[in-house]
């Protein structure tokens, strides 16, 4: 199932209300893991890599600009 981004909290609430009891239990387990920092490690790594690249580019640009008269 694909949702258009960004979703509002109301959109998420509506989707949750449509879940079966089994799907709701699965969501609860996932959310507990998510809150404890265990869910989706690949997503966190991807974000960290992106932030690292942005930080590196920003630092390189700052160094370049600080050398210019």
Protein backbone atom coordinates (compact mmCIF):
# COMPACT_ATOMS: atom_id res chain seq x y z
CA UNK A 1 0.00 0.00 0.00
CA UNK A 2 1.43 3.37 -0.98
CA UNK A 3 0.48 6.69 0.59
CA UNK A 4 1.18 10.12 -0.85
CA UNK A 5 3.70 12.01 1.25
CA UNK A 6 3.53 13.84 3.52
CA UNK A 7 0.81 12.22 5.58
CA UNK A 8 -0.90 14.18 8.31
CA UNK A 9 -1.56 12.81 11.77
CA UNK A 10 -5.21 12.64 10.81
CA UNK A 11 -4.32 10.48 7.77
CA UNK A 12 -2.35 8.13 10.01
CA UNK A 13 -5.18 7.96 12.55
CA UNK A 14 -7.64 7.09 9.78
CA UNK A 15 -5.35 4.34 8.46
CA UNK A 16 -4.87 2.89 11.95
CA UNK A 17 -8.62 2.75 12.52
CA UNK A 18 -8.91 0.51 9.44
CA UNK A 19 -6.39 -2.08 10.71
CA UNK A 20 -7.46 -5.56 11.69
CA UNK A 21 -6.73 -6.66 15.27
CA UNK A 22 -3.71 -8.66 14.05
CA UNK A 23 -2.36 -5.73 12.05
CA UNK A 24 -2.90 -3.42 15.02
CA UNK A 25 -0.94 -5.80 17.28
CA UNK A 26 1.88 -5.84 14.70
CA UNK A 27 1.86 -2.02 14.60
CA UNK A 28 2.03 -1.86 18.41
CA UNK A 29 5.07 -4.16 18.46
CA UNK A 30 6.78 -2.17 15.70
CA UNK A 31 6.04 1.15 17.41
CA UNK A 32 7.42 -0.10 20.76
CA UNK A 33 10.64 -1.09 18.94
CA UNK A 34 10.67 2.23 17.09
CA UNK A 35 10.38 4.20 20.32
CA UNK A 36 13.17 2.20 21.89
CA UNK A 37 15.41 2.99 18.91
CA UNK A 38 15.53 -0.53 17.52
CA UNK A 39 13.31 -0.19 14.45
CA UNK A 40 14.49 0.49 10.92
CA UNK A 41 18.26 0.63 11.45
CA UNK A 42 18.73 0.90 7.67
CA UNK A 43 16.66 4.08 7.60
CA UNK A 44 18.74 5.59 10.39
CA UNK A 45 21.98 4.63 8.64
CA UNK A 46 20.76 6.15 5.40
CA UNK A 47 19.87 9.37 7.16
CA UNK A 48 23.21 9.44 8.97
CA UNK A 49 25.06 8.95 5.70
CA UNK A 50 23.10 11.77 4.06
CA UNK A 51 23.76 14.10 6.98
CA UNK A 52 27.43 13.18 6.90
CA UNK A 53 27.67 14.09 3.23
CA UNK A 54 25.87 17.38 3.81
CA UNK A 55 28.13 18.19 6.75
CA UNK A 56 31.22 17.36 4.70
CA UNK A 57 30.13 19.56 1.81
CA UNK A 58 29.23 22.39 4.17
CA UNK A 59 32.59 22.20 5.92
CA UNK A 60 34.46 22.12 2.61
CA UNK A 61 32.52 25.15 1.36
CA UNK A 62 33.13 27.00 4.63
CA UNK A 63 36.87 26.30 4.42
CA UNK A 64 36.92 27.47 0.79
CA UNK A 65 35.10 30.68 1.63
CA UNK A 66 37.29 31.39 4.66
CA UNK A 67 40.41 31.29 2.42
CA UNK A 68 39.04 33.74 -0.11
CA UNK A 69 39.93 37.43 0.40
